[in-house]
Amino acid sequence: MSPDFNPLEFARLAESLHSAMTPVETAEQVVAFAVTELDADSGGITLALGRGLESLAASDALAEKMAAVQAELDEGPGRDSAHEHTLECPNLAEESRWPRWTAQALAVGVRSMLAADLTDIDGRRIGSLSLYWCRPRNFAASEVAYVEIARRHAAVALANSLNVTN
C-alpha cells in the first residue's frame, strides 16, 4: 500500500458497506477491502460473543484457522485488541503475549499480523479485524493509521447491520 492512500477509497468503502444486506456481507466487504489495500495474505473478522469469539468472515482457510485457534485457546490478538484498538506484531517469532496462539500461527506460516478492535459508537465491543502476512513485516505509521480508519468504518457498518438483522 502506498503511504499516500486516497481518502476516496474510504468513501467507496462506506458506500459499499451501506449496500450490504447482512452482517456477513458487511464483514466480507471489510475483509476484502483491508486485505487488498494492505496487501495482506489473509484476513478475517471475528464477533465478540460474551467471552468468546466467533468467525464472521474470512478471506480464506488460513484466517478461519487462526480464528478457530484463538477461540479454542481463549488467547490471541483478536481478544486483546479491545485493550489497544490496533495491535501490531511485525514478527511473530519474537512475540510473547500469546505463546500458544503464536506457536500455532507460526506452524501454519503466519509471520506477522495486525488486529484491530471493532467498537460501535456507544463503546460496545463488536469484535475484531485481523490481518495476516506470511512474512515478517514492519508496518508503516500510515498503514496503522489506515487500519484505524478502516476499523471505525467497519465497526459502524457492522453494528448497523447487526441491529437490522436482530
Foldseek 3Di string as FASTA:
>chain_A
DDLPDDPVLVVVLLVCLVPDQALLSLQQSLQVSLCVVVVFPWKFWWFCDPLATHTSYIPDPLHVVLNVQCRVVVDDDFNVLLVVQKDWFLALVPDDRGVVSSVVNVVVQWTIKMKGWQAEPVRHTTTIMMTTHSHRHDDDPSSVVVVSVSSHSSNHSSVVNVVVVD
